[in-house]
N, C-alpha and C. Protein backbone atom coordinates (compact mmCIF):
# COMPACT_ATOMS: atom_id res chain seq x y z
N MET A 1 89.30 55.69 82.22
CA MET A 1 89.60 57.09 82.46
C MET A 1 89.77 57.76 81.10
N GLY A 2 89.11 58.86 80.86
CA GLY A 2 89.14 59.54 79.56
C GLY A 2 90.51 60.08 79.21
N ASP A 3 90.53 60.83 78.14
CA ASP A 3 91.78 61.45 77.70
C ASP A 3 92.29 62.43 78.75
N ILE A 4 93.58 62.40 78.94
CA ILE A 4 94.24 63.36 79.83
C ILE A 4 95.22 64.16 79.00
N SER A 5 95.12 65.46 79.10
CA SER A 5 95.99 66.34 78.33
C SER A 5 97.33 66.52 79.01
N ARG A 6 98.27 67.08 78.26
CA ARG A 6 99.60 67.36 78.79
C ARG A 6 99.85 68.86 78.74
N VAL A 7 100.52 69.33 79.76
CA VAL A 7 100.92 70.73 79.82
C VAL A 7 102.33 70.83 79.26
N SER A 8 102.55 71.82 78.41
CA SER A 8 103.89 72.06 77.89
C SER A 8 104.26 73.52 78.09
N THR A 9 105.54 73.75 78.21
CA THR A 9 106.05 75.11 78.37
C THR A 9 106.28 75.74 77.01
N VAL A 10 105.96 77.01 76.90
CA VAL A 10 106.17 77.80 75.69
C VAL A 10 107.15 78.91 76.06
N SER A 11 108.07 79.22 75.20
CA SER A 11 109.00 80.31 75.47
C SER A 11 108.22 81.61 75.67
N THR A 12 108.57 82.35 76.73
CA THR A 12 107.88 83.62 76.95
C THR A 12 108.09 84.57 75.78
N ARG A 13 109.24 84.47 75.13
CA ARG A 13 109.52 85.34 73.97
C ARG A 13 108.70 84.93 72.74
N GLU A 14 108.19 83.71 72.73
CA GLU A 14 107.28 83.31 71.66
C GLU A 14 105.90 83.96 71.87
N VAL A 15 105.52 84.13 73.12
CA VAL A 15 104.23 84.72 73.46
C VAL A 15 104.31 86.25 73.43
N TRP A 16 105.33 86.80 74.06
CA TRP A 16 105.54 88.25 74.13
C TRP A 16 106.90 88.53 73.52
N LYS A 17 106.93 88.93 72.28
CA LYS A 17 108.20 89.13 71.56
C LYS A 17 109.08 90.18 72.23
N ASN A 18 108.46 91.25 72.70
CA ASN A 18 109.19 92.37 73.28
C ASN A 18 108.60 92.69 74.64
N GLU A 19 109.45 92.79 75.63
CA GLU A 19 108.98 93.06 77.00
C GLU A 19 108.18 94.35 77.09
N ALA A 20 108.75 95.45 76.60
CA ALA A 20 108.11 96.75 76.73
C ALA A 20 106.90 96.92 75.81
N LEU A 21 106.99 96.38 74.61
CA LEU A 21 105.93 96.58 73.62
C LEU A 21 104.82 95.54 73.69
N ASP A 22 105.11 94.36 74.23
CA ASP A 22 104.13 93.28 74.26
C ASP A 22 103.72 92.86 75.68
N PHE A 23 104.70 92.51 76.51
CA PHE A 23 104.37 91.99 77.84
C PHE A 23 103.78 93.07 78.75
N THR A 24 104.42 94.22 78.82
CA THR A 24 103.93 95.28 79.71
C THR A 24 102.51 95.71 79.35
N PRO A 25 102.19 95.99 78.08
CA PRO A 25 100.80 96.34 77.74
C PRO A 25 99.82 95.19 78.02
N TRP A 26 100.27 93.94 77.78
CA TRP A 26 99.40 92.80 78.07
C TRP A 26 99.09 92.76 79.56
N LEU A 27 100.11 92.95 80.40
CA LEU A 27 99.90 92.91 81.84
C LEU A 27 99.01 94.06 82.30
N LEU A 28 99.16 95.22 81.71
CA LEU A 28 98.29 96.35 82.04
C LEU A 28 96.83 95.98 81.78
N ALA A 29 96.55 95.31 80.67
CA ALA A 29 95.19 94.93 80.30
C ALA A 29 94.69 93.69 81.04
N ASN A 30 95.60 92.93 81.64
CA ASN A 30 95.25 91.66 82.30
C ASN A 30 95.79 91.61 83.73
N ALA A 31 95.65 92.70 84.45
CA ALA A 31 96.21 92.82 85.79
C ALA A 31 95.69 91.74 86.74
N GLU A 32 94.49 91.26 86.51
CA GLU A 32 93.93 90.25 87.42
C GLU A 32 94.74 88.96 87.40
N ALA A 33 95.42 88.67 86.30
CA ALA A 33 96.24 87.46 86.24
C ALA A 33 97.37 87.52 87.26
N LEU A 34 97.97 88.67 87.43
CA LEU A 34 99.01 88.87 88.45
C LEU A 34 98.37 89.05 89.82
N GLY A 35 97.30 89.82 89.88
CA GLY A 35 96.62 90.08 91.14
C GLY A 35 96.17 88.81 91.84
N ASP A 36 95.69 87.84 91.06
CA ASP A 36 95.22 86.58 91.65
C ASP A 36 96.33 85.88 92.42
N VAL A 37 97.52 85.81 91.83
CA VAL A 37 98.62 85.10 92.49
C VAL A 37 99.18 85.90 93.68
N LEU A 38 99.03 87.22 93.66
CA LEU A 38 99.51 88.05 94.76
C LEU A 38 98.46 88.22 95.86
N GLY A 39 97.22 87.80 95.59
CA GLY A 39 96.15 87.99 96.55
C GLY A 39 95.71 89.44 96.64
N MET A 40 95.75 90.14 95.50
CA MET A 40 95.38 91.55 95.45
C MET A 40 94.28 91.76 94.42
N ASP A 41 93.49 92.80 94.65
CA ASP A 41 92.54 93.27 93.64
C ASP A 41 93.29 94.35 92.86
N LEU A 42 94.14 93.89 91.96
CA LEU A 42 95.13 94.75 91.33
C LEU A 42 94.55 95.56 90.18
N ASP A 43 94.76 96.86 90.25
CA ASP A 43 94.38 97.78 89.18
C ASP A 43 95.66 98.50 88.73
N LEU A 44 96.20 98.06 87.59
CA LEU A 44 97.37 98.73 87.03
C LEU A 44 96.87 99.86 86.15
N ARG A 45 97.38 101.06 86.38
CA ARG A 45 96.80 102.23 85.70
C ARG A 45 97.72 102.89 84.68
N ALA A 46 99.02 102.61 84.72
CA ALA A 46 99.90 103.30 83.78
C ALA A 46 101.17 102.49 83.52
N THR A 47 101.67 102.62 82.30
CA THR A 47 102.96 102.03 81.94
C THR A 47 103.98 103.16 81.78
N GLU A 48 105.24 102.78 81.89
CA GLU A 48 106.34 103.74 81.71
C GLU A 48 106.15 105.00 82.56
N HIS A 49 105.82 104.77 83.82
CA HIS A 49 105.61 105.86 84.78
C HIS A 49 106.96 106.53 85.08
N PRO A 50 107.05 107.85 84.90
CA PRO A 50 108.33 108.52 85.12
C PRO A 50 108.74 108.54 86.59
N VAL A 51 110.02 108.20 86.81
CA VAL A 51 110.64 108.29 88.14
C VAL A 51 111.97 108.97 87.90
N GLY A 52 111.99 110.28 88.06
CA GLY A 52 113.18 111.05 87.72
C GLY A 52 113.47 110.89 86.23
N ASP A 53 114.70 110.50 85.91
CA ASP A 53 115.10 110.29 84.52
C ASP A 53 114.76 108.89 84.00
N PHE A 54 114.11 108.08 84.84
CA PHE A 54 113.86 106.68 84.50
C PHE A 54 112.37 106.42 84.32
N SER A 55 112.02 105.22 83.85
CA SER A 55 110.61 104.86 83.64
C SER A 55 110.31 103.50 84.26
N LEU A 56 109.40 103.51 85.20
CA LEU A 56 108.90 102.31 85.85
C LEU A 56 107.94 101.60 84.90
N ASP A 57 108.02 100.26 84.82
CA ASP A 57 107.16 99.53 83.88
C ASP A 57 105.69 99.75 84.15
N LEU A 58 105.23 99.52 85.38
CA LEU A 58 103.81 99.62 85.70
C LEU A 58 103.60 100.18 87.11
N ILE A 59 102.55 100.97 87.26
CA ILE A 59 102.17 101.47 88.57
C ILE A 59 100.67 101.31 88.70
N GLY A 60 100.24 101.01 89.91
CA GLY A 60 98.81 100.81 90.13
C GLY A 60 98.50 100.76 91.60
N GLU A 61 97.39 100.06 91.90
CA GLU A 61 96.87 100.05 93.26
C GLU A 61 96.20 98.71 93.54
N ASP A 62 96.31 98.28 94.79
CA ASP A 62 95.50 97.17 95.28
C ASP A 62 94.20 97.81 95.74
N LEU A 63 93.13 97.60 94.97
CA LEU A 63 91.86 98.26 95.27
C LEU A 63 91.27 97.85 96.62
N ALA A 64 91.59 96.64 97.08
CA ALA A 64 91.07 96.17 98.36
C ALA A 64 91.66 96.94 99.53
N SER A 65 92.93 97.33 99.42
CA SER A 65 93.60 98.00 100.53
C SER A 65 93.89 99.48 100.27
N GLY A 66 93.83 99.88 98.99
CA GLY A 66 94.19 101.25 98.62
C GLY A 66 95.69 101.47 98.56
N GLU A 67 96.46 100.39 98.65
CA GLU A 67 97.93 100.51 98.67
C GLU A 67 98.50 100.62 97.26
N GLU A 68 99.52 101.45 97.13
CA GLU A 68 100.24 101.61 95.87
C GLU A 68 101.05 100.36 95.54
N VAL A 69 101.06 100.00 94.26
CA VAL A 69 101.80 98.83 93.78
C VAL A 69 102.65 99.25 92.58
N ILE A 70 103.93 98.88 92.59
CA ILE A 70 104.76 99.09 91.40
C ILE A 70 105.23 97.73 90.90
N VAL A 71 105.40 97.63 89.58
CA VAL A 71 105.79 96.37 88.96
C VAL A 71 106.92 96.63 87.98
N GLU A 72 107.99 95.87 88.12
CA GLU A 72 109.10 95.90 87.17
C GLU A 72 109.18 94.54 86.50
N ASN A 73 109.14 94.52 85.17
CA ASN A 73 109.16 93.28 84.39
C ASN A 73 110.56 93.00 83.86
N GLN A 74 110.84 91.72 83.71
CA GLN A 74 112.10 91.31 83.10
C GLN A 74 111.89 89.95 82.46
N LEU A 75 111.77 89.91 81.15
CA LEU A 75 111.60 88.64 80.45
C LEU A 75 112.96 88.01 80.18
N ALA A 76 113.65 87.73 81.25
CA ALA A 76 114.97 87.10 81.25
C ALA A 76 115.22 86.67 82.69
N ARG A 77 116.39 86.09 82.93
CA ARG A 77 116.78 85.73 84.29
C ARG A 77 117.10 86.99 85.08
N SER A 78 116.84 86.99 86.37
CA SER A 78 117.08 88.17 87.19
C SER A 78 118.52 88.64 87.10
N ASP A 79 118.70 89.97 87.22
CA ASP A 79 120.05 90.53 87.17
C ASP A 79 120.17 91.71 88.15
N HIS A 80 121.40 92.12 88.39
CA HIS A 80 121.67 93.21 89.32
C HIS A 80 121.03 94.52 88.87
N SER A 81 121.01 94.75 87.57
CA SER A 81 120.45 95.99 87.04
C SER A 81 118.99 96.16 87.48
N HIS A 82 118.20 95.10 87.33
CA HIS A 82 116.78 95.20 87.69
C HIS A 82 116.58 95.27 89.21
N LEU A 83 117.47 94.65 89.98
CA LEU A 83 117.40 94.80 91.43
C LEU A 83 117.58 96.27 91.80
N GLY A 84 118.56 96.91 91.18
CA GLY A 84 118.75 98.35 91.41
C GLY A 84 117.57 99.17 90.95
N GLN A 85 116.98 98.77 89.83
CA GLN A 85 115.82 99.50 89.31
C GLN A 85 114.64 99.46 90.28
N ILE A 86 114.34 98.27 90.85
CA ILE A 86 113.18 98.23 91.75
C ILE A 86 113.42 99.10 92.98
N LEU A 87 114.67 99.17 93.44
CA LEU A 87 114.96 100.03 94.59
C LEU A 87 114.85 101.50 94.23
N THR A 88 115.35 101.86 93.05
CA THR A 88 115.24 103.24 92.58
C THR A 88 113.79 103.64 92.41
N TYR A 89 113.00 102.79 91.79
CA TYR A 89 111.58 103.09 91.57
C TYR A 89 110.81 103.15 92.89
N ALA A 90 111.16 102.28 93.83
CA ALA A 90 110.51 102.32 95.14
C ALA A 90 110.83 103.64 95.84
N GLY A 91 112.08 104.07 95.74
CA GLY A 91 112.47 105.33 96.37
C GLY A 91 111.78 106.53 95.74
N GLY A 92 111.46 106.43 94.47
CA GLY A 92 110.83 107.56 93.77
C GLY A 92 109.31 107.56 93.79
N THR A 93 108.70 106.47 94.23
CA THR A 93 107.23 106.40 94.21
C THR A 93 106.64 106.11 95.59
N ASP A 94 107.45 105.62 96.53
CA ASP A 94 107.04 105.29 97.90
C ASP A 94 105.83 104.35 97.94
N PRO A 95 105.92 103.20 97.24
CA PRO A 95 104.80 102.25 97.24
C PRO A 95 104.84 101.37 98.49
N VAL A 96 103.74 100.69 98.74
CA VAL A 96 103.72 99.66 99.77
C VAL A 96 104.20 98.34 99.18
N ASN A 97 103.76 98.04 97.97
CA ASN A 97 104.04 96.75 97.33
C ASN A 97 104.96 96.93 96.12
N ILE A 98 106.09 96.24 96.14
CA ILE A 98 107.07 96.29 95.06
C ILE A 98 107.13 94.89 94.46
N VAL A 99 106.82 94.78 93.16
CA VAL A 99 106.75 93.48 92.50
C VAL A 99 107.78 93.44 91.38
N TRP A 100 108.63 92.43 91.42
CA TRP A 100 109.64 92.20 90.38
C TRP A 100 109.27 90.89 89.70
N ILE A 101 108.95 90.96 88.41
CA ILE A 101 108.60 89.79 87.62
C ILE A 101 109.77 89.44 86.72
N THR A 102 110.15 88.17 86.71
CA THR A 102 111.23 87.69 85.86
C THR A 102 110.96 86.25 85.46
N GLU A 103 111.66 85.79 84.44
CA GLU A 103 111.50 84.38 84.04
C GLU A 103 112.02 83.44 85.11
N SER A 104 113.13 83.81 85.74
CA SER A 104 113.66 82.99 86.84
C SER A 104 114.56 83.86 87.71
N PHE A 105 114.51 83.59 88.99
CA PHE A 105 115.32 84.34 89.95
C PHE A 105 116.60 83.58 90.27
N ARG A 106 117.72 84.29 90.20
CA ARG A 106 118.97 83.75 90.71
C ARG A 106 118.79 83.65 92.23
N PRO A 107 119.41 82.66 92.86
CA PRO A 107 119.28 82.52 94.31
C PRO A 107 119.70 83.78 95.07
N GLU A 108 120.70 84.48 94.57
CA GLU A 108 121.19 85.70 95.24
C GLU A 108 120.14 86.81 95.21
N HIS A 109 119.40 86.91 94.12
CA HIS A 109 118.38 87.97 94.01
C HIS A 109 117.15 87.62 94.84
N ARG A 110 116.81 86.34 94.88
CA ARG A 110 115.70 85.92 95.75
C ARG A 110 116.08 86.19 97.20
N ALA A 111 117.32 85.89 97.58
CA ALA A 111 117.79 86.15 98.94
C ALA A 111 117.75 87.65 99.24
N ALA A 112 118.07 88.48 98.26
CA ALA A 112 118.03 89.93 98.46
C ALA A 112 116.59 90.39 98.75
N LEU A 113 115.61 89.85 98.02
CA LEU A 113 114.21 90.20 98.28
C LEU A 113 113.79 89.72 99.67
N ASP A 114 114.21 88.52 100.05
CA ASP A 114 113.90 88.02 101.39
C ASP A 114 114.51 88.92 102.44
N TRP A 115 115.75 89.35 102.22
CA TRP A 115 116.44 90.24 103.16
C TRP A 115 115.71 91.57 103.28
N LEU A 116 115.30 92.12 102.15
CA LEU A 116 114.55 93.39 102.16
C LEU A 116 113.24 93.23 102.94
N ASN A 117 112.56 92.12 102.75
CA ASN A 117 111.31 91.88 103.48
C ASN A 117 111.56 91.74 104.98
N GLU A 118 112.71 91.19 105.36
CA GLU A 118 113.04 91.04 106.78
C GLU A 118 113.40 92.38 107.41
N ARG A 119 114.05 93.26 106.65
CA ARG A 119 114.63 94.48 107.22
C ARG A 119 113.77 95.73 107.09
N THR A 120 112.78 95.70 106.21
CA THR A 120 111.95 96.89 106.04
C THR A 120 110.75 96.83 106.98
N ASP A 121 110.08 97.97 107.14
CA ASP A 121 108.95 98.03 108.06
C ASP A 121 107.72 97.32 107.48
N GLU A 122 106.66 97.24 108.30
CA GLU A 122 105.46 96.52 107.89
C GLU A 122 104.72 97.20 106.74
N GLY A 123 105.08 98.43 106.42
CA GLY A 123 104.45 99.16 105.33
C GLY A 123 105.16 99.00 104.00
N THR A 124 106.10 98.07 103.92
CA THR A 124 106.84 97.84 102.68
C THR A 124 106.92 96.34 102.41
N ARG A 125 106.49 95.95 101.20
CA ARG A 125 106.47 94.52 100.86
C ARG A 125 107.11 94.30 99.49
N PHE A 126 108.04 93.36 99.42
CA PHE A 126 108.71 93.00 98.18
C PHE A 126 108.24 91.62 97.73
N PHE A 127 107.87 91.52 96.45
CA PHE A 127 107.44 90.25 95.87
C PHE A 127 108.34 89.90 94.69
N GLY A 128 108.76 88.66 94.64
CA GLY A 128 109.45 88.13 93.47
C GLY A 128 108.52 87.14 92.79
N VAL A 129 108.23 87.39 91.52
CA VAL A 129 107.27 86.55 90.78
C VAL A 129 107.93 86.05 89.51
N GLU A 130 107.90 84.73 89.32
CA GLU A 130 108.39 84.16 88.07
C GLU A 130 107.22 83.98 87.12
N VAL A 131 107.48 84.26 85.84
CA VAL A 131 106.45 84.10 84.81
C VAL A 131 106.92 83.07 83.79
N ARG A 132 106.02 82.20 83.44
CA ARG A 132 106.24 81.24 82.35
C ARG A 132 105.00 81.26 81.49
N ALA A 133 105.13 80.71 80.32
CA ALA A 133 103.96 80.53 79.45
C ALA A 133 103.78 79.03 79.25
N ILE A 134 102.54 78.60 79.34
CA ILE A 134 102.23 77.18 79.17
C ILE A 134 101.07 77.02 78.20
N ARG A 135 100.88 75.79 77.74
CA ARG A 135 99.68 75.47 76.97
C ARG A 135 99.30 74.03 77.27
N ILE A 136 98.05 73.74 77.06
CA ILE A 136 97.56 72.37 77.19
C ILE A 136 97.26 71.87 75.79
N ASP A 137 97.95 70.82 75.40
CA ASP A 137 97.86 70.28 74.03
C ASP A 137 98.06 71.41 73.03
N ASP A 138 97.08 71.73 72.21
CA ASP A 138 97.23 72.77 71.19
C ASP A 138 96.53 74.07 71.56
N SER A 139 96.29 74.28 72.84
CA SER A 139 95.58 75.49 73.27
C SER A 139 96.43 76.74 73.04
N ALA A 140 95.79 77.87 73.17
CA ALA A 140 96.52 79.15 73.16
C ALA A 140 97.41 79.18 74.40
N PRO A 141 98.55 79.86 74.34
CA PRO A 141 99.42 79.95 75.51
C PRO A 141 98.73 80.70 76.64
N ALA A 142 99.10 80.37 77.86
CA ALA A 142 98.56 81.03 79.05
C ALA A 142 99.71 81.37 79.98
N PRO A 143 99.59 82.49 80.71
CA PRO A 143 100.65 82.84 81.66
C PRO A 143 100.54 81.97 82.90
N LEU A 144 101.68 81.67 83.48
CA LEU A 144 101.73 80.96 84.75
C LEU A 144 102.66 81.76 85.66
N PHE A 145 102.06 82.45 86.63
CA PHE A 145 102.83 83.24 87.59
C PHE A 145 103.04 82.42 88.86
N THR A 146 104.26 82.47 89.39
CA THR A 146 104.60 81.78 90.62
C THR A 146 105.32 82.75 91.55
N VAL A 147 104.78 82.96 92.73
CA VAL A 147 105.44 83.82 93.72
C VAL A 147 106.56 83.02 94.37
N VAL A 148 107.79 83.53 94.26
CA VAL A 148 108.95 82.84 94.84
C VAL A 148 109.56 83.61 96.01
N ALA A 149 109.18 84.86 96.17
CA ALA A 149 109.62 85.66 97.33
C ALA A 149 108.46 86.56 97.71
N ASN A 150 108.14 86.56 99.00
CA ASN A 150 107.06 87.40 99.47
C ASN A 150 107.27 87.76 100.93
N PRO A 151 106.63 88.81 101.38
CA PRO A 151 106.83 89.25 102.76
C PRO A 151 106.16 88.31 103.74
N ASN A 152 106.72 88.26 104.92
CA ASN A 152 106.10 87.54 106.02
C ASN A 152 105.45 88.61 106.88
N SER A 153 104.20 88.96 106.55
CA SER A 153 103.50 90.06 107.23
C SER A 153 103.35 89.80 108.72
N TRP A 154 103.11 88.55 109.10
CA TRP A 154 102.94 88.24 110.52
C TRP A 154 104.20 88.63 111.29
N ARG A 155 105.36 88.25 110.75
CA ARG A 155 106.62 88.55 111.43
C ARG A 155 106.84 90.06 111.54
N LYS A 156 106.51 90.81 110.47
CA LYS A 156 106.66 92.26 110.52
C LYS A 156 105.73 92.88 111.55
N GLU A 157 104.50 92.37 111.61
CA GLU A 157 103.53 92.91 112.58
C GLU A 157 103.99 92.66 114.01
N VAL A 158 104.50 91.45 114.29
CA VAL A 158 105.00 91.14 115.63
C VAL A 158 106.18 92.02 115.97
N ARG A 159 107.11 92.16 115.02
CA ARG A 159 108.30 92.99 115.25
C ARG A 159 107.88 94.44 115.53
N SER A 160 106.90 94.95 114.77
CA SER A 160 106.44 96.31 114.96
C SER A 160 105.77 96.49 116.32
N ALA A 161 104.93 95.51 116.71
CA ALA A 161 104.20 95.60 117.96
C ALA A 161 105.11 95.50 119.18
N THR A 162 106.18 94.72 119.05
CA THR A 162 107.09 94.53 120.18
C THR A 162 108.26 95.51 120.16
N GLY A 163 108.41 96.25 119.08
CA GLY A 163 109.48 97.22 118.99
C GLY A 163 110.85 96.60 118.75
N THR A 164 110.88 95.35 118.23
CA THR A 164 112.17 94.70 117.98
C THR A 164 112.34 94.47 116.50
């Protein structure tokens, strides 16, 4: 059996020094990396989108469905502040898909996203996505997105159809 390489983790801050200046612009230019894991034909069109006195990291569209998508980034462990931010941004933009990207989700924040997916209508979807950076041997770093919270569309459709 030939040589087998090893995957190693790279600090996200080594790859993207600054969330707003490095990660957000990179994601804008590489939307397909996130879109692939979400199952969307993602077109991110703007950074720092104004929502009242605040600025949403990214706004765009799933080209396959025409649905609005908002993305809030956090190159750290999830926190209450960003949970509030995604709700504020959702209220100010009325998207179908709300995506929160973080290095790792606290169990409480993942549970909050699951709760929101259970309680909102079929036209609202919350995604929790963890981002890591990896490399194989001495390769350039690559993003690794993992969906850790997502809507159960089937359950929402059944609930909507039955009125429960």
